[in-house]
Amino acid sequence: MLEIRRLNPEDAVLYKALRLEALRNHPEAFGSDYESEKDRSVERYATRLESEQSMTFGAFHENELVGVVTIVCSEPFKMRHRANVFAMYVTPRARKQQVGRQLVEEALRTLKHHPLIEQVHLSVVRTNEAAKALYRSLGFESYAIEPRALKIDDTYHDEELMWYRF
């Protein structure tokens, strides 16, 4: 059985391990990189998990963290109606089991009850057809392509920008 819940500082060790797996296995999918994060302390991840501006949800299967997604509410006054989805990842052994869907659904449910949030934004590497299909099936719409959004060595990766309106 899958449990979806908000991560807290006590989950920092599990979160760090899954985050490093994601950065190592799919560097094109994240703005950060493995080398920048591998030596960060668990305490730094714990601090991130207790932030007031963001929430990270985890999917647990038999007490193992198998997926995560983070939502961040915009802080500038003129952008407080917006939130962003970041750092979505499901470990390969848990894919094709609706884990990603359940994580994003929980993020959207949480944001729907936020008194200021009217829309949610995300970016996804243009070649990740499975993620784009998931987001579209949940009601996200594409509105732009950011060319050469990320550069890894000598390879550029475009990102598709998507949004969801409550």
C-alpha atoms as a PDB file:
ATOM      1  CA  MET A   1       0.000   0.000   0.000  1.00  0.00           C
ATOM      2  CA  LEU A   2       1.205   3.491  -0.844  1.00  0.00           C
ATOM      3  CA  GLU A   3       1.215   6.307   1.699  1.00  0.00           C
ATOM      4  CA  ILE A   4       1.490   9.923   0.515  1.00  0.00           C
ATOM      5  CA  ARG A   5       2.380  12.488   3.146  1.00  0.00           C
ATOM      6  CA  ARG A   6       4.230  15.716   3.659  1.00  0.00           C
ATOM      7  CA  LEU A   7       7.873  15.143   4.506  1.00  0.00           C
ATOM      8  CA  ASN A   8       9.273  16.594   7.712  1.00  0.00           C
ATOM      9  CA  PRO A   9      12.826  17.094   9.024  1.00  0.00           C
ATOM     10  CA  GLU A  10      12.904  13.530  10.371  1.00  0.00           C
ATOM     11  CA  ASP A  11      12.663  12.327   6.743  1.00  0.00           C
ATOM     12  CA  ALA A  12      15.809  14.217   5.682  1.00  0.00           C
ATOM     13  CA  VAL A  13      18.071  11.151   5.416  1.00  0.00           C
ATOM     14  CA  LEU A  14      15.585   9.335   3.168  1.00  0.00           C
ATOM     15  CA  TYR A  15      14.924  12.484   1.157  1.00  0.00           C
ATOM     16  CA  LYS A  16      18.620  13.174   0.573  1.00  0.00           C
ATOM     17  CA  ALA A  17      19.205   9.617  -0.656  1.00  0.00           C
ATOM     18  CA  LEU A  18      16.303   9.764  -3.121  1.00  0.00           C
ATOM     19  CA  ARG A  19      17.242  13.278  -4.259  1.00  0.00           C
ATOM     20  CA  LEU A  20      20.815  12.177  -5.010  1.00  0.00           C
ATOM     21  CA  GLU A  21      19.495   9.137  -6.897  1.00  0.00           C
ATOM     22  CA  ALA A  22      17.329  11.455  -9.003  1.00  0.00           C
ATOM     23  CA  LEU A  23      20.181  13.861  -9.743  1.00  0.00           C
ATOM     24  CA  ARG A  24      22.528  11.005 -10.636  1.00  0.00           C
ATOM     25  CA  ASN A  25      20.048   9.104 -12.838  1.00  0.00           C
ATOM     26  CA  HIS A  26      18.323  12.029 -14.563  1.00  0.00           C
ATOM     27  CA  PRO A  27      20.574  15.104 -14.568  1.00  0.00           C
ATOM     28  CA  GLU A  28      18.610  16.594 -17.475  1.00  0.00           C
ATOM     29  CA  ALA A  29      15.449  16.772 -15.360  1.00  0.00           C
ATOM     30  CA  PHE A  30      16.714  19.043 -12.577  1.00  0.00           C
ATOM     31  CA  GLY A  31      18.243  22.492 -12.299  1.00  0.00           C
ATOM     32  CA  SER A  32      20.598  21.272  -9.585  1.00  0.00           C
ATOM     33  CA  ASP A  33      23.227  18.593 -10.029  1.00  0.00           C
ATOM     34  CA  TYR A  34      24.644  15.635  -8.117  1.00  0.00           C
ATOM     35  CA  GLU A  35      28.085  17.164  -7.552  1.00  0.00           C
ATOM     36  CA  SER A  36      26.576  20.301  -6.000  1.00  0.00           C
ATOM     37  CA  GLU A  37      24.372  18.362  -3.596  1.00  0.00           C
ATOM     38  CA  LYS A  38      26.222  15.170  -2.670  1.00  0.00           C
ATOM     39  CA  ASP A  39      28.197  16.766   0.162  1.00  0.00           C
ATOM     40  CA  ARG A  40      25.353  18.841   1.600  1.00  0.00           C
ATOM     41  CA  SER A  41      24.550  17.958   5.157  1.00  0.00           C
ATOM     42  CA  VAL A  42      21.411  16.105   6.161  1.00  0.00           C
ATOM     43  CA  GLU A  43      20.628  19.140   8.352  1.00  0.00           C
ATOM     44  CA  ARG A  44      20.437  21.322   5.261  1.00  0.00           C
ATOM     45  CA  TYR A  45      17.849  18.974   3.760  1.00  0.00           C
ATOM     46  CA  ALA A  46      15.981  18.949   7.073  1.00  0.00           C
ATOM     47  CA  THR A  47      15.834  22.750   7.005  1.00  0.00           C
ATOM     48  CA  ARG A  48      14.485  22.625   3.453  1.00  0.00           C
ATOM     49  CA  LEU A  49      11.733  20.239   4.583  1.00  0.00           C
ATOM     50  CA  GLU A  50      10.487  22.640   7.259  1.00  0.00           C
ATOM     51  CA  SER A  51      10.371  25.737   5.033  1.00  0.00           C
ATOM     52  CA  GLU A  52       7.205  27.846   5.198  1.00  0.00           C
ATOM     53  CA  GLN A  53       7.359  28.669   1.472  1.00  0.00           C
ATOM     54  CA  SER A  54       7.537  25.084   0.263  1.00  0.00           C
ATOM     55  CA  MET A  55       6.161  21.623   0.954  1.00  0.00           C
ATOM     56  CA  THR A  56       7.650  18.343  -0.154  1.00  0.00           C
ATOM     57  CA  PHE A  57       5.415  15.310  -0.370  1.00  0.00           C
ATOM     58  CA  GLY A  58       6.749  11.792  -0.274  1.00  0.00           C
ATOM     59  CA  ALA A  59       5.342   8.494  -1.447  1.00  0.00           C
ATOM     60  CA  PHE A  60       6.168   5.616   0.863  1.00  0.00           C
ATOM     61  CA  HIS A  61       5.828   1.937   0.011  1.00  0.00           C
ATOM     62  CA  GLU A  62       6.484  -0.351   2.977  1.00  0.00           C
ATOM     63  CA  ASN A  63       8.341   2.508   4.749  1.00  0.00           C
ATOM     64  CA  GLU A  64      10.599   3.108   1.734  1.00  0.00           C
ATOM     65  CA  LEU A  65      10.541   6.571   0.147  1.00  0.00           C
ATOM     66  CA  VAL A  66       9.860   5.861  -3.548  1.00  0.00           C
ATOM     67  CA  GLY A  67       8.812   9.274  -4.866  1.00  0.00           C
ATOM     68  CA  VAL A  68       8.777  12.982  -4.082  1.00  0.00           C
ATOM     69  CA  VAL A  69       7.384  16.257  -5.352  1.00  0.00           C
ATOM     70  CA  THR A  70       7.874  19.785  -4.016  1.00  0.00           C
ATOM     71  CA  ILE A  71       5.525  22.743  -4.271  1.00  0.00           C
ATOM     72  CA  VAL A  72       6.704  26.301  -3.734  1.00  0.00           C
ATOM     73  CA  CYS A  73       4.371  29.255  -3.315  1.00  0.00           C
ATOM     74  CA  SER A  74       5.572  32.484  -4.897  1.00  0.00           C
ATOM     75  CA  GLU A  75       6.522  35.182  -2.421  1.00  0.00           C
ATOM     76  CA  PRO A  76       6.471  38.490  -4.329  1.00  0.00           C
ATOM     77  CA  PHE A  77       3.203  40.305  -3.682  1.00  0.00           C
ATOM     78  CA  LYS A  78       2.198  40.407  -7.348  1.00  0.00           C
ATOM     79  CA  MET A  79       2.896  36.692  -7.781  1.00  0.00           C
ATOM     80  CA  ARG A  80       1.277  35.298  -4.630  1.00  0.00           C
ATOM     81  CA  HIS A  81      -1.496  33.756  -6.731  1.00  0.00           C
ATOM     82  CA  ARG A  82       1.039  31.306  -8.194  1.00  0.00           C
ATOM     83  CA  ALA A  83       2.735  28.139  -7.030  1.00  0.00           C
ATOM     84  CA  ASN A  84       5.346  25.972  -8.722  1.00  0.00           C
ATOM     85  CA  VAL A  85       5.901  22.235  -8.842  1.00  0.00           C
ATOM     86  CA  PHE A  86       9.557  21.238  -8.591  1.00  0.00           C
ATOM     87  CA  ALA A  87      11.755  18.196  -8.087  1.00  0.00           C
ATOM     88  CA  MET A  88       9.261  15.514  -9.109  1.00  0.00           C
ATOM     89  CA  TYR A  89      10.884  12.090  -9.044  1.00  0.00           C
ATOM     90  CA  VAL A  90       9.797   8.470  -8.742  1.00  0.00           C
ATOM     91  CA  THR A  91      12.415   5.758  -8.358  1.00  0.00           C
ATOM     92  CA  PRO A  92      12.466   3.321 -11.323  1.00  0.00           C
ATOM     93  CA  ARG A  93      11.228   0.350  -9.288  1.00  0.00           C
ATOM     94  CA  ALA A  94       8.031   2.251  -8.394  1.00  0.00           C
ATOM     95  CA  ARG A  95       7.200   3.654 -11.837  1.00  0.00           C
ATOM     96  CA  LYS A  96       4.060   2.676 -13.752  1.00  0.00           C
ATOM     97  CA  GLN A  97       2.230   2.230 -10.446  1.00  0.00           C
ATOM     98  CA  GLN A  98       0.497   5.641 -10.307  1.00  0.00           C
ATOM     99  CA  VAL A  99       2.988   6.983  -7.741  1.00  0.00           C
ATOM    100  CA  GLY A 100       3.689  10.163  -9.696  1.00  0.00           C
ATOM    101  CA  ARG A 101      -0.021  10.722 -10.278  1.00  0.00           C
ATOM    102  CA  GLN A 102      -0.804  10.372  -6.575  1.00  0.00           C
ATOM    103  CA  LEU A 103       2.010  12.756  -5.631  1.00  0.00           C
ATOM    104  CA  VAL A 104       0.879  15.484  -8.031  1.00  0.00           C
ATOM    105  CA  GLU A 105      -2.769  14.972  -7.064  1.00  0.00           C
ATOM    106  CA  GLU A 106      -1.844  15.497  -3.395  1.00  0.00           C
ATOM    107  CA  ALA A 107       0.128  18.629  -4.290  1.00  0.00           C
ATOM    108  CA  LEU A 108      -2.826  20.012  -6.260  1.00  0.00           C
ATOM    109  CA  ARG A 109      -5.286  19.124  -3.480  1.00  0.00           C
ATOM    110  CA  THR A 110      -3.113  20.987  -0.988  1.00  0.00           C
ATOM    111  CA  LEU A 111      -2.737  24.035  -3.228  1.00  0.00           C
ATOM    112  CA  LYS A 112      -6.458  24.125  -4.025  1.00  0.00           C
ATOM    113  CA  HIS A 113      -7.118  24.853  -0.341  1.00  0.00           C
ATOM    114  CA  HIS A 114      -4.500  27.605  -0.156  1.00  0.00           C
ATOM    115  CA  PRO A 115      -6.345  30.931   0.131  1.00  0.00           C
ATOM    116  CA  LEU A 116      -4.161  32.763  -2.406  1.00  0.00           C
ATOM    117  CA  ILE A 117      -3.175  30.180  -5.011  1.00  0.00           C
ATOM    118  CA  GLU A 118      -5.041  30.332  -8.336  1.00  0.00           C
ATOM    119  CA  GLN A 119      -2.594  28.591 -10.659  1.00  0.00           C
ATOM    120  CA  VAL A 120       0.315  26.167 -10.632  1.00  0.00           C
ATOM    121  CA  HIS A 121       3.348  26.173 -12.939  1.00  0.00           C
ATOM    122  CA  LEU A 122       5.994  23.590 -13.759  1.00  0.00           C
ATOM    123  CA  SER A 123       8.683  22.881 -16.300  1.00  0.00           C
ATOM    124  CA  VAL A 124       9.542  19.469 -17.683  1.00  0.00           C
ATOM    125  CA  VAL A 125      12.379  18.469 -19.981  1.00  0.00           C
ATOM    126  CA  ARG A 126      10.897  18.444 -23.470  1.00  0.00           C
ATOM    127  CA  THR A 127      11.879  14.821 -24.177  1.00  0.00           C
ATOM    128  CA  ASN A 128      10.172  13.386 -21.062  1.00  0.00           C
ATOM    129  CA  GLU A 129       6.997  12.179 -22.765  1.00  0.00           C
ATOM    130  CA  ALA A 130       5.784  10.127 -19.785  1.00  0.00           C
ATOM    131  CA  ALA A 131       5.913  13.110 -17.407  1.00  0.00           C
ATOM    132  CA  LYS A 132       4.263  15.418 -19.930  1.00  0.00           C
ATOM    133  CA  ALA A 133       1.474  12.884 -20.479  1.00  0.00           C
ATOM    134  CA  LEU A 134       0.937  12.625 -16.717  1.00  0.00           C
ATOM    135  CA  TYR A 135       0.740  16.393 -16.287  1.00  0.00           C
ATOM    136  CA  ARG A 136      -1.633  16.774 -19.255  1.00  0.00           C
ATOM    137  CA  SER A 137      -3.892  14.021 -17.887  1.00  0.00           C
ATOM    138  CA  LEU A 138      -4.171  15.999 -14.636  1.00  0.00           C
ATOM    139  CA  GLY A 139      -5.188  19.191 -16.445  1.00  0.00           C
ATOM    140  CA  PHE A 140      -1.877  20.988 -17.019  1.00  0.00           C
ATOM    141  CA  GLU A 141      -1.532  22.818 -20.327  1.00  0.00           C
ATOM    142  CA  SER A 142       1.629  23.637 -22.221  1.00  0.00           C
ATOM    143  CA  TYR A 143       2.203  27.341 -22.883  1.00  0.00           C
ATOM    144  CA  ALA A 144       5.818  27.659 -24.024  1.00  0.00           C
ATOM    145  CA  ILE A 145       9.091  25.968 -24.774  1.00  0.00           C
ATOM    146  CA  GLU A 146      12.215  27.351 -23.145  1.00  0.00           C
ATOM    147  CA  PRO A 147      15.006  26.478 -25.564  1.00  0.00           C
ATOM    148  CA  ARG A 148      18.359  25.436 -24.126  1.00  0.00           C
ATOM    149  CA  ALA A 149      17.034  25.766 -20.566  1.00  0.00           C
ATOM    150  CA  LEU A 150      19.706  23.446 -19.184  1.00  0.00           C
ATOM    151  CA  LYS A 151      23.225  22.666 -20.351  1.00  0.00           C
ATOM    152  CA  ILE A 152      24.994  19.493 -19.288  1.00  0.00           C
ATOM    153  CA  ASP A 153      28.517  19.312 -20.650  1.00  0.00           C
ATOM    154  CA  ASP A 154      27.974  20.245 -24.306  1.00  0.00           C
ATOM    155  CA  THR A 155      24.356  19.146 -24.536  1.00  0.00           C
ATOM    156  CA  TYR A 156      21.397  21.503 -24.221  1.00  0.00           C
ATOM    157  CA  HIS A 157      17.949  20.477 -22.982  1.00  0.00           C
ATOM    158  CA  ASP A 158      14.764  22.368 -23.795  1.00  0.00           C
ATOM    159  CA  GLU A 159      12.034  22.604 -21.178  1.00  0.00           C
ATOM    160  CA  GLU A 160       8.307  22.663 -21.756  1.00  0.00           C
ATOM    161  CA  LEU A 161       6.492  25.124 -19.504  1.00  0.00           C
ATOM    162  CA  MET A 162       3.063  24.030 -18.279  1.00  0.00           C
ATOM    163  CA  TRP A 163       0.392  25.491 -16.054  1.00  0.00           C
ATOM    164  CA  TYR A 164      -2.757  24.426 -14.214  1.00  0.00           C
ATOM    165  CA  ARG A 165      -5.569  26.768 -13.264  1.00  0.00           C
ATOM    166  CA  PHE A 166      -7.963  26.125 -10.375  1.00  0.00           C
END
